[in-house]
Amino acid sequence: MKEFTLGEIAKACGGKFIGDRSRLLETISSVVIDSRKVVEGSLFVAIKGERTDGHLYIEKAYDSGAVCVVSEQVVDYDEPYILVDSSEQAIKDIAETYRGLFPNIEVVGITGSVGKTSTKEMISAVLAKKYVVHKTQGNFNNELGVPLTLLSMPEDTEVAVVEMGINHFGEMTRLSKMVRPTVCVLTNIGCCHLENLIDRDGVLKAKTEMFKYKADDAEIIVNGDDDKLDTIENYTYRFGLNASNDFYAEDLENDGDNSISFTLCRGGERYAAMVPALGNHMVVNALGAAAVGTALNMEMSEIIEGFKDYQAVGGRARLIETEIVRIIDDCYNANPNSVKAALDTLKTMKAKRRIAVLGDMKELGENELALHREVGEYAAKSGIDVLITVGELAKSLYDGAEGIEKHSYDTVTAALDEIEDILHKDDVVLVKASHSMHFEEIVKYLEEI
C-alpha cells in the first residue's frame, strides 16, 4: 500500500495515539480486522462483531507483528495503539483518507439489486487489458468490506473497481463518501431488501445515494432496460439488450454449455463478441463493461478481448461437471429477479432434463409470499422439467408452479435424503436460494453423488 503513517491514521479517525510518539512516523503494511490475517507491519482494527469481539485478539495481533491497534478500549500492552469511540467508524474514516492519497485514479463504483459481483468481475477483466486494476475481493461490498477494499489498494493502482452493497437507507451515502466514484455503474433495481427499502422506488432511492459523493465529472452508466434506472437523467451511457441503448446486443447464441456469442452494437458499429459464462444476463453485464471501458478510453478490440478473461466467482452461475449431472451453482444469494434470470439460463442448457432446486428468498417484506408464488408461476412456464423447493417461504413458490413435476421439503437435510432418487443421469440442476439457506450443502452433495 501507499506510505501511510500512524500519525496520519490517528488524525484521519480522530483517535488518541497512545505510546511512544516517535513512532508516529512509522508506516503500516496493511489494515486488517481479522487477527489471523495480521502480518509484520499490519494495523489491526479491533471491531465488535456479531460472533466475536476483535478486542479479544489484540495481544495475538501484536504477537503476529501488528505495528499498532485501533481500539475502543484501553490496551494493556507495551505497544502503541489508537483509542477511538467507534472502531467501525474509525476504519471508514481511515479508508476515506487513504482513498484521498489516490487523487488521479479512476474509481468505478458498482451497485444494483442483481449482478453486482459478476459485473464487477466482468468490468475488471475488461479494464485489466489496459490498466493496473484493483478490485473488490469476493463480495466485500458492505460498510466493512468497502473500507478494506480501499485500504488494500496497491501504490501502482490505476483503476479501482469497487462493489457497493446496501440494505438500508443511508448506507450508500456512507459508502460513497469513502469511495468517491469517478464512474458510477447501476446494474438494475429489483425486489430486494424490501423489509427496509419498502418497494422498488425505495431501492432506487437507496442505490442512487451513490451520486452524493461522486466526482463532479463522474461518468454515470446504467442498465437502460430497467424501468427504474431509465428515469435517471444526465447519464453518460445506457446499456442493455434493447436497441434503444447506447450499447446493446443482437444475435445472442448460447452454446448450451458455458459461453454465449453475440453481436455488440454501438453507434452503428457491430462487433462479434463472446463471454465465457452462462445466461443472457451475462451479456448485459458485458455490455455494461463495454460502456465502462469506452468511458475510460479503451478500444473496442481491447474490450472484447477482456470479455474472454471473465471468470465466475464461486456460487454465482458456476457450471460444475460431474459423472452423473451438471450443476449450475448459483447458490450465493437470490431474489425474484435473479431467480427468474437463472431459470432463463437453465432453459438454454442442453440436458436430458432441467431441474431447479430453489429455496427461500429472504428480506422481501410484507409481500414475500406473493413474490415467491410469482416465481413459482414463472418456473412452471420457463420450460423446466422438475422443481424442488426447500424452506417455509418456498412452499408458496411450490404452490405457484402448476403443471410440472415438483417436490417440496422443509429443510436442506430432508431434501438431501431424497434428491438422489429424483435425479437422472445427464440432468442439469440449478441450485439457488438466499445465502442463509446454506444451499452450498446441496451443491457439495451433488458433486459427490
Protein backbone atom coordinates (compact mmCIF):
# COMPACT_ATOMS: atom_id res chain seq x y z
CA MET A 1 0.00 0.00 0.00
CA LYS A 2 0.99 3.65 -0.23
CA GLU A 3 3.04 5.14 2.59
CA PHE A 4 0.58 5.76 5.42
CA THR A 5 1.91 6.71 8.84
CA LEU A 6 0.46 6.08 12.28
CA GLY A 7 0.23 9.82 12.78
CA GLU A 8 -1.82 10.22 9.59
CA ILE A 9 -4.05 7.34 10.65
CA ALA A 10 -4.69 8.76 14.12
CA LYS A 11 -5.55 12.13 12.59
CA ALA A 12 -7.84 10.52 9.99
CA CYS A 13 -10.00 8.78 12.57
CA GLY A 14 -9.82 11.46 15.26
CA GLY A 15 -8.30 8.94 17.66
CA LYS A 16 -5.91 9.42 20.57
CA PHE A 17 -2.47 7.97 19.89
CA ILE A 18 -1.12 6.29 22.98
CA GLY A 19 2.50 5.21 23.05
CA ASP A 20 5.96 6.38 22.07
CA ARG A 21 5.29 9.44 19.92
CA SER A 22 8.48 8.91 17.95
CA ARG A 23 6.60 6.04 16.31
CA LEU A 24 4.02 8.35 14.76
CA LEU A 25 6.15 8.39 11.62
CA GLU A 26 6.09 4.59 11.29
CA THR A 27 4.21 3.28 8.26
CA ILE A 28 1.89 0.28 8.01
CA SER A 29 1.91 -2.62 5.56
CA SER A 30 -1.82 -3.46 5.67
CA VAL A 31 -5.08 -2.91 7.54
CA VAL A 32 -6.94 -5.96 8.85
CA ILE A 33 -9.88 -6.72 11.12
CA ASP A 34 -9.10 -10.44 11.40
CA SER A 35 -6.19 -11.20 13.70
CA ARG A 36 -5.41 -14.32 11.65
CA LYS A 37 -4.51 -12.07 8.71
CA VAL A 38 -2.04 -9.91 10.62
CA VAL A 39 1.43 -9.78 9.10
CA GLU A 40 4.51 -7.80 10.03
CA GLY A 41 3.61 -4.11 9.99
CA SER A 42 -0.18 -4.52 9.97
CA LEU A 43 -2.64 -2.13 11.58
CA PHE A 44 -5.21 -4.24 13.42
CA VAL A 45 -8.63 -2.65 13.89
CA ALA A 46 -10.46 -4.31 16.78
CA ILE A 47 -14.17 -4.45 15.92
CA LYS A 48 -17.02 -5.87 17.95
CA GLY A 49 -18.91 -8.20 15.63
CA GLU A 50 -21.99 -10.37 15.94
CA ARG A 51 -19.97 -13.51 16.59
CA THR A 52 -16.87 -12.27 18.36
CA ASP A 53 -15.10 -9.17 19.63
CA GLY A 54 -11.84 -8.18 17.97
CA HIS A 55 -10.65 -6.70 21.24
CA LEU A 56 -10.15 -10.27 22.50
CA TYR A 57 -7.42 -10.77 19.89
CA ILE A 58 -5.35 -7.62 20.38
CA GLU A 59 -2.50 -9.40 22.11
CA LYS A 60 -2.46 -12.07 19.38
CA ALA A 61 -2.33 -9.32 16.75
CA TYR A 62 0.70 -7.69 18.38
CA ASP A 63 2.42 -11.07 18.71
CA SER A 64 1.82 -11.70 14.99
CA GLY A 65 3.55 -8.47 14.01
CA ALA A 66 0.95 -5.70 14.23
CA VAL A 67 2.66 -2.32 14.49
CA CYS A 68 -0.41 -0.66 16.02
CA VAL A 69 -4.02 -1.35 17.03
CA VAL A 70 -7.18 0.74 16.75
CA SER A 71 -9.25 0.03 19.85
CA GLU A 72 -12.34 1.22 21.68
CA GLN A 73 -10.76 0.05 24.95
CA VAL A 74 -7.59 0.82 26.87
CA VAL A 75 -4.91 -1.63 25.77
CA ASP A 76 -2.65 -3.16 28.40
CA TYR A 77 0.30 -3.95 26.13
CA ASP A 78 3.64 -2.25 25.62
CA GLU A 79 2.95 -1.22 22.01
CA PRO A 80 1.26 1.86 20.55
CA TYR A 81 -2.46 1.95 19.95
CA ILE A 82 -5.09 4.45 18.84
CA LEU A 83 -8.05 4.88 21.17
CA VAL A 84 -11.34 5.68 19.44
CA ASP A 85 -15.03 5.86 20.29
CA SER A 86 -16.01 3.51 17.47
CA SER A 87 -13.67 1.18 15.62
CA GLU A 88 -16.24 0.72 12.84
CA GLN A 89 -16.38 4.44 12.20
CA ALA A 90 -12.60 4.67 12.52
CA ILE A 91 -11.92 2.21 9.72
CA LYS A 92 -14.29 4.13 7.44
CA ASP A 93 -12.56 7.41 8.23
CA ILE A 94 -9.14 5.83 7.69
CA ALA A 95 -10.28 4.38 4.36
CA GLU A 96 -11.65 7.75 3.23
CA THR A 97 -8.32 9.40 3.97
CA TYR A 98 -6.38 6.63 2.20
CA ARG A 99 -8.63 6.97 -0.85
CA GLY A 100 -7.60 10.62 -0.89
CA LEU A 101 -3.98 9.57 -1.42
CA PHE A 102 -5.01 8.47 -4.95
CA PRO A 103 -6.38 11.72 -6.41
CA ASN A 104 -5.74 10.81 -10.03
CA ILE A 105 -7.02 7.24 -10.33
CA GLU A 106 -10.38 6.19 -11.73
CA VAL A 107 -12.71 4.53 -9.23
CA VAL A 108 -15.60 2.52 -10.66
CA GLY A 109 -18.41 2.15 -8.12
CA ILE A 110 -20.87 -0.66 -8.86
CA THR A 111 -24.27 -1.20 -7.28
CA GLY A 112 -27.64 -2.73 -8.10
CA SER A 113 -30.02 -5.41 -6.91
CA VAL A 114 -28.65 -8.26 -9.01
CA GLY A 115 -25.34 -8.99 -10.67
CA LYS A 116 -23.02 -6.64 -8.78
CA THR A 117 -20.27 -9.19 -8.27
CA SER A 118 -20.49 -10.67 -11.78
CA THR A 119 -20.48 -7.17 -13.29
CA LYS A 120 -17.53 -6.23 -11.10
CA GLU A 121 -15.61 -9.24 -12.35
CA MET A 122 -16.52 -8.51 -15.98
CA ILE A 123 -15.53 -4.84 -15.74
CA SER A 124 -12.26 -5.78 -14.03
CA ALA A 125 -11.44 -8.32 -16.74
CA VAL A 126 -12.00 -5.68 -19.42
CA LEU A 127 -10.11 -2.86 -17.73
CA ALA A 128 -7.14 -5.13 -16.97
CA LYS A 129 -6.41 -5.16 -20.70
CA LYS A 130 -5.17 -1.58 -20.38
CA TYR A 131 -4.83 -0.63 -16.71
CA VAL A 132 -3.46 -1.84 -13.41
CA VAL A 133 -6.74 -2.79 -11.74
CA HIS A 134 -7.56 -3.25 -8.06
CA LYS A 135 -10.97 -4.81 -7.37
CA THR A 136 -13.21 -5.86 -4.53
CA GLN A 137 -12.31 -9.37 -3.44
CA GLY A 138 -15.28 -11.75 -3.39
CA ASN A 139 -18.27 -9.73 -2.26
CA PHE A 140 -16.61 -7.44 0.31
CA ASN A 141 -19.18 -4.78 -0.51
CA ASN A 142 -20.60 -3.56 2.82
CA GLU A 143 -19.54 -0.98 5.39
CA LEU A 144 -16.59 -3.10 6.46
CA GLY A 145 -15.79 -4.70 3.12
CA VAL A 146 -15.58 -1.43 1.20
CA PRO A 147 -13.03 0.22 3.52
CA LEU A 148 -10.94 -2.96 3.48
CA THR A 149 -11.06 -2.90 -0.33
CA LEU A 150 -9.89 0.70 -0.43
CA LEU A 151 -7.20 0.15 2.19
CA SER A 152 -5.73 -2.75 0.21
CA MET A 153 -5.13 -0.65 -2.92
CA PRO A 154 -1.50 -1.06 -4.04
CA GLU A 155 0.52 2.05 -4.76
CA ASP A 156 0.52 1.37 -8.53
CA THR A 157 -3.29 1.13 -8.84
CA GLU A 158 -4.61 2.92 -11.91
CA VAL A 159 -8.27 1.88 -11.67
CA ALA A 160 -10.16 0.59 -8.63
CA VAL A 161 -13.37 -1.38 -9.21
CA VAL A 162 -15.45 -1.28 -6.03
CA GLU A 163 -18.64 -3.23 -5.42
CA MET A 164 -21.10 -1.40 -3.15
CA GLY A 165 -23.94 -3.30 -1.46
CA ILE A 166 -26.57 -1.97 0.93
CA ASN A 167 -29.85 -2.94 2.60
CA HIS A 168 -30.80 0.26 4.45
CA PHE A 169 -31.26 3.91 3.54
CA GLY A 170 -28.15 5.95 4.28
CA GLU A 171 -25.67 3.13 3.82
CA MET A 172 -24.84 4.02 0.21
CA THR A 173 -24.19 7.62 1.24
CA ARG A 174 -21.59 6.39 3.74
CA LEU A 175 -20.03 4.06 1.17
CA SER A 176 -19.93 6.77 -1.50
CA LYS A 177 -18.22 9.15 0.93
CA MET A 178 -15.35 6.67 1.18
CA VAL A 179 -15.25 5.56 -2.45
CA ARG A 180 -15.74 8.93 -4.22
CA PRO A 181 -16.56 7.17 -7.51
CA THR A 182 -15.45 8.69 -10.79
CA VAL A 183 -17.60 6.15 -12.67
CA CYS A 184 -21.00 5.05 -11.30
CA VAL A 185 -22.49 1.79 -12.61
CA LEU A 186 -26.03 0.69 -11.74
CA THR A 187 -26.98 -2.81 -12.86
CA ASN A 188 -30.73 -2.94 -12.06
CA ILE A 189 -33.40 -2.16 -9.47
CA GLY A 190 -35.15 -5.29 -8.23
CA CYS A 191 -37.19 -6.62 -5.35
CA CYS A 192 -34.54 -6.98 -2.66
CA HIS A 193 -34.18 -5.83 0.95
CA LEU A 194 -37.82 -4.73 0.86
CA GLU A 195 -38.12 -5.18 4.61
CA ASN A 196 -36.11 -1.97 4.89
CA LEU A 197 -36.45 -0.30 1.49
CA ILE A 198 -40.23 -0.89 1.13
CA ASP A 199 -40.53 -1.11 -2.68
CA ARG A 200 -38.53 -0.70 -5.88
CA ASP A 201 -38.80 3.08 -5.67
CA GLY A 202 -37.15 2.81 -2.27
CA VAL A 203 -34.45 0.57 -3.73
CA LEU A 204 -33.81 3.16 -6.46
CA LYS A 205 -33.59 5.95 -3.90
CA ALA A 206 -31.16 3.98 -1.73
CA LYS A 207 -28.93 2.89 -4.62
CA THR A 208 -28.69 6.35 -6.18
CA GLU A 209 -27.33 7.75 -2.93
CA MET A 210 -24.09 6.77 -4.67
CA PHE A 211 -24.30 10.07 -6.54
CA LYS A 212 -24.00 12.16 -3.36
CA TYR A 213 -20.21 11.86 -3.24
CA LYS A 214 -19.37 11.07 -6.84
CA ALA A 215 -16.78 13.15 -8.67
CA ASP A 216 -18.24 16.29 -10.23
CA ASP A 217 -17.44 14.99 -13.71
CA ALA A 218 -18.28 11.35 -12.95
CA GLU A 219 -19.49 9.07 -15.73
CA ILE A 220 -22.92 7.56 -14.98
CA ILE A 221 -23.60 4.21 -16.65
CA VAL A 222 -26.96 2.50 -16.21
CA ASN A 223 -28.92 -0.50 -17.44
CA GLY A 224 -31.39 1.15 -19.81
CA ASP A 225 -33.61 -1.96 -19.88
CA ASP A 226 -34.57 -1.32 -16.26
CA ASP A 227 -37.67 0.86 -15.97
CA LYS A 228 -36.48 2.50 -12.75
CA LEU A 229 -32.96 3.25 -13.98
CA ASP A 230 -34.49 4.60 -17.18
CA THR A 231 -35.66 7.57 -15.09
CA ILE A 232 -32.09 8.66 -14.31
CA GLU A 233 -31.09 11.79 -16.18
CA ASN A 234 -27.61 13.07 -17.01
CA TYR A 235 -26.33 9.57 -17.70
CA THR A 236 -23.25 9.00 -19.86
CA TYR A 237 -24.23 5.67 -21.38
CA ARG A 238 -27.08 3.21 -21.19
CA PHE A 239 -26.55 -0.48 -21.83
CA GLY A 240 -28.89 -3.44 -22.27
CA LEU A 241 -30.47 -5.80 -24.77
CA ASN A 242 -32.89 -3.19 -26.07
CA ALA A 243 -31.73 -1.44 -29.25
CA SER A 244 -32.57 1.96 -27.74
CA ASN A 245 -29.46 1.70 -25.53
CA ASP A 246 -26.05 3.14 -26.37
CA PHE A 247 -24.57 -0.35 -26.04
CA TYR A 248 -26.83 -3.27 -26.94
CA ALA A 249 -26.59 -6.83 -28.22
CA GLU A 250 -28.06 -8.82 -31.09
CA ASP A 251 -27.80 -12.41 -32.31
CA LEU A 252 -27.34 -13.95 -28.86
CA GLU A 253 -26.42 -17.61 -29.19
CA ASN A 254 -25.96 -19.75 -26.11
CA ASP A 255 -23.92 -22.82 -26.87
CA GLY A 256 -25.87 -24.66 -24.17
CA ASP A 257 -22.71 -25.19 -22.24
CA ASN A 258 -20.65 -22.35 -20.84
CA SER A 259 -20.39 -19.50 -23.34
CA ILE A 260 -22.55 -17.06 -25.25
CA SER A 261 -21.69 -15.39 -28.54
CA PHE A 262 -23.37 -12.15 -29.58
CA THR A 263 -23.05 -9.06 -31.68
CA LEU A 264 -22.14 -5.96 -29.68
CA CYS A 265 -23.74 -2.87 -31.22
CA ARG A 266 -22.72 0.70 -30.57
CA GLY A 267 -23.28 3.84 -32.65
CA GLY A 268 -23.93 1.97 -35.87
CA GLU A 269 -20.86 -0.25 -35.41
CA ARG A 270 -21.19 -4.01 -34.89
CA TYR A 271 -18.63 -6.29 -33.27
CA ALA A 272 -18.54 -10.06 -32.83
CA ALA A 273 -18.11 -10.92 -29.16
CA MET A 274 -18.23 -13.82 -26.71
CA VAL A 275 -18.46 -14.25 -22.94
CA PRO A 276 -17.40 -17.50 -21.22
CA ALA A 277 -20.44 -17.60 -18.96
CA LEU A 278 -23.99 -18.83 -18.55
CA GLY A 279 -27.09 -16.76 -19.21
CA ASN A 280 -28.17 -13.80 -21.30
CA HIS A 281 -27.82 -11.61 -18.21
CA MET A 282 -24.07 -12.09 -18.54
CA VAL A 283 -24.25 -10.45 -21.96
CA VAL A 284 -25.90 -7.48 -20.25
CA ASN A 285 -23.03 -7.40 -17.74
CA ALA A 286 -20.57 -7.44 -20.64
CA LEU A 287 -22.38 -4.51 -22.27
CA GLY A 288 -22.01 -2.59 -19.01
CA ALA A 289 -18.30 -3.40 -19.02
CA ALA A 290 -18.06 -2.19 -22.61
CA ALA A 291 -19.61 1.12 -21.59
CA VAL A 292 -17.13 1.49 -18.73
CA GLY A 293 -14.20 0.60 -20.98
CA THR A 294 -15.32 3.14 -23.56
CA ALA A 295 -15.71 5.82 -20.87
CA LEU A 296 -12.12 5.09 -19.84
CA ASN A 297 -10.76 5.43 -23.37
CA MET A 298 -10.34 1.78 -24.30
CA GLU A 299 -10.51 0.42 -27.85
CA MET A 300 -13.37 -1.96 -28.64
CA SER A 301 -10.85 -4.64 -29.60
CA GLU A 302 -9.36 -4.47 -26.09
CA ILE A 303 -12.80 -4.60 -24.53
CA ILE A 304 -13.87 -7.68 -26.48
CA GLU A 305 -10.63 -9.46 -25.61
CA GLY A 306 -11.27 -8.59 -21.97
CA PHE A 307 -14.63 -10.40 -22.03
CA LYS A 308 -12.79 -13.66 -22.64
CA ASP A 309 -10.89 -13.32 -19.34
CA TYR A 310 -14.06 -13.26 -17.24
CA GLN A 311 -14.21 -15.90 -14.52
CA ALA A 312 -17.27 -16.66 -12.40
CA VAL A 313 -16.96 -16.22 -8.64
CA GLY A 314 -17.98 -19.21 -6.52
CA GLY A 315 -21.72 -19.60 -6.01
CA ARG A 316 -22.61 -17.36 -8.95
CA ALA A 317 -23.69 -19.28 -12.06
CA ARG A 318 -20.69 -21.59 -11.86
CA LEU A 319 -21.03 -24.69 -14.03
CA ILE A 320 -19.85 -27.90 -12.35
CA GLU A 321 -19.48 -31.12 -14.33
CA THR A 322 -19.89 -34.49 -12.59
CA GLU A 323 -20.16 -38.00 -13.98
CA ILE A 324 -23.91 -38.02 -13.32
CA VAL A 325 -25.24 -34.45 -13.64
CA ARG A 326 -24.21 -30.91 -14.47
CA ILE A 327 -24.77 -28.37 -11.71
CA ILE A 328 -25.37 -24.64 -12.05
CA ASP A 329 -24.05 -23.45 -8.70
CA ASP A 330 -25.86 -20.14 -8.22
CA CYS A 331 -26.49 -20.54 -4.52
CA TYR A 332 -24.77 -17.44 -3.18
CA ASN A 333 -27.96 -15.39 -2.98
CA ALA A 334 -31.41 -14.97 -4.51
CA ASN A 335 -34.25 -12.55 -5.12
CA PRO A 336 -37.12 -12.76 -7.62
CA ASN A 337 -35.20 -11.07 -10.44
CA SER A 338 -32.10 -13.22 -10.10
CA VAL A 339 -34.08 -16.46 -9.79
CA LYS A 340 -36.03 -15.69 -12.97
CA ALA A 341 -32.76 -14.92 -14.77
CA ALA A 342 -31.31 -18.21 -13.53
CA LEU A 343 -34.38 -20.10 -14.78
CA ASP A 344 -33.93 -18.45 -18.17
CA THR A 345 -30.35 -19.71 -18.20
CA LEU A 346 -31.41 -23.22 -17.22
CA LYS A 347 -33.85 -23.26 -20.13
CA THR A 348 -30.98 -22.83 -22.61
CA MET A 349 -28.96 -25.76 -21.31
CA LYS A 350 -28.61 -28.97 -23.28
CA ALA A 351 -29.85 -31.73 -20.99
CA LYS A 352 -31.93 -34.84 -20.58
CA ARG A 353 -34.00 -32.92 -18.03
CA ARG A 354 -33.76 -29.48 -16.48
CA ILE A 355 -34.22 -29.40 -12.71
CA ALA A 356 -34.46 -26.33 -10.48
CA VAL A 357 -33.70 -26.62 -6.77
CA LEU A 358 -34.97 -23.36 -5.29
CA GLY A 359 -35.20 -22.13 -1.71
CA ASP A 360 -36.40 -19.25 0.39
CA MET A 361 -35.67 -15.70 -0.80
CA LYS A 362 -35.16 -13.51 2.25
CA GLU A 363 -35.83 -9.84 3.05
CA LEU A 364 -38.74 -9.41 0.65
CA GLY A 365 -41.03 -7.64 3.10
CA GLU A 366 -44.76 -7.99 3.54
CA ASN A 367 -45.34 -9.35 0.02
CA GLU A 368 -42.83 -12.17 0.38
CA LEU A 369 -45.33 -14.99 -0.11
CA ALA A 370 -46.85 -13.41 -3.21
CA LEU A 371 -43.37 -12.86 -4.66
CA HIS A 372 -42.45 -16.49 -4.04
CA ARG A 373 -45.65 -17.66 -5.70
CA GLU A 374 -44.95 -15.42 -8.69
CA VAL A 375 -41.53 -17.04 -9.12
CA GLY A 376 -43.20 -20.46 -8.93
CA GLU A 377 -45.57 -19.48 -11.72
CA TYR A 378 -42.60 -18.27 -13.77
CA ALA A 379 -40.74 -21.53 -13.13
CA ALA A 380 -43.68 -23.60 -14.39
CA LYS A 381 -43.78 -21.60 -17.63
CA SER A 382 -40.00 -21.49 -18.13
CA GLY A 383 -39.65 -24.92 -19.65
CA ILE A 384 -38.05 -26.77 -16.74
CA ASP A 385 -38.93 -30.40 -16.10
CA VAL A 386 -38.72 -30.70 -12.31
CA LEU A 387 -38.97 -28.21 -9.44
CA ILE A 388 -37.61 -28.96 -5.98
CA THR A 389 -38.28 -26.38 -3.26
CA VAL A 390 -36.73 -26.14 0.20
CA GLY A 391 -37.91 -23.95 3.06
CA GLU A 392 -41.05 -22.44 4.53
CA LEU A 393 -41.30 -19.46 2.16
CA ALA A 394 -40.53 -21.68 -0.82
CA LYS A 395 -43.76 -23.57 -0.17
CA SER A 396 -45.52 -20.63 -1.83
CA LEU A 397 -43.12 -20.99 -4.75
CA TYR A 398 -44.10 -24.67 -4.92
CA ASP A 399 -47.79 -23.78 -4.84
CA GLY A 400 -47.39 -21.38 -7.75
CA ALA A 401 -45.74 -23.94 -10.01
CA GLU A 402 -48.63 -25.82 -11.55
CA GLY A 403 -48.46 -28.47 -14.26
CA ILE A 404 -44.91 -29.74 -13.72
CA GLU A 405 -43.30 -32.40 -11.55
CA LYS A 406 -42.49 -30.86 -8.21
CA HIS A 407 -41.26 -31.77 -4.72
CA SER A 408 -41.25 -29.73 -1.51
CA TYR A 409 -39.04 -30.10 1.59
CA ASP A 410 -38.87 -28.19 4.85
CA THR A 411 -35.09 -28.39 5.24
CA VAL A 412 -31.92 -28.98 3.27
CA THR A 413 -31.36 -32.20 5.22
CA ALA A 414 -34.78 -33.52 4.23
CA ALA A 415 -34.13 -32.67 0.58
CA LEU A 416 -30.77 -34.43 0.59
CA ASP A 417 -32.41 -37.61 1.86
CA GLU A 418 -34.39 -37.93 -1.38
CA ILE A 419 -32.80 -35.78 -4.09
CA GLU A 420 -30.58 -38.53 -5.47
CA ASP A 421 -33.68 -40.64 -6.21
CA ILE A 422 -35.22 -37.76 -8.19
CA LEU A 423 -32.20 -37.12 -10.41
CA HIS A 424 -31.36 -38.95 -13.63
CA LYS A 425 -28.07 -39.21 -15.44
CA ASP A 426 -27.41 -36.22 -17.74
CA ASP A 427 -29.79 -33.89 -15.91
CA VAL A 428 -28.81 -30.25 -15.44
CA VAL A 429 -29.56 -28.97 -11.92
CA LEU A 430 -29.86 -25.32 -10.95
CA VAL A 431 -29.27 -24.67 -7.24
CA LYS A 432 -30.36 -21.24 -5.98
CA ALA A 433 -31.62 -19.63 -2.75
CA SER A 434 -30.75 -16.89 -0.30
CA HIS A 435 -27.35 -17.34 1.31
CA SER A 436 -28.81 -18.12 4.75
CA MET A 437 -30.41 -21.29 3.33
CA HIS A 438 -26.94 -22.87 3.05
CA PHE A 439 -27.58 -24.38 -0.36
CA GLU A 440 -23.83 -24.86 -0.74
CA GLU A 441 -24.52 -28.10 1.16
CA ILE A 442 -26.73 -29.23 -1.72
CA VAL A 443 -24.05 -28.32 -4.27
CA LYS A 444 -21.43 -30.26 -2.32
CA TYR A 445 -23.72 -33.28 -2.09
CA LEU A 446 -24.50 -33.22 -5.80
CA GLU A 447 -20.80 -33.01 -6.63
CA GLU A 448 -20.18 -36.23 -4.73
CA ILE A 449 -23.04 -38.47 -5.85
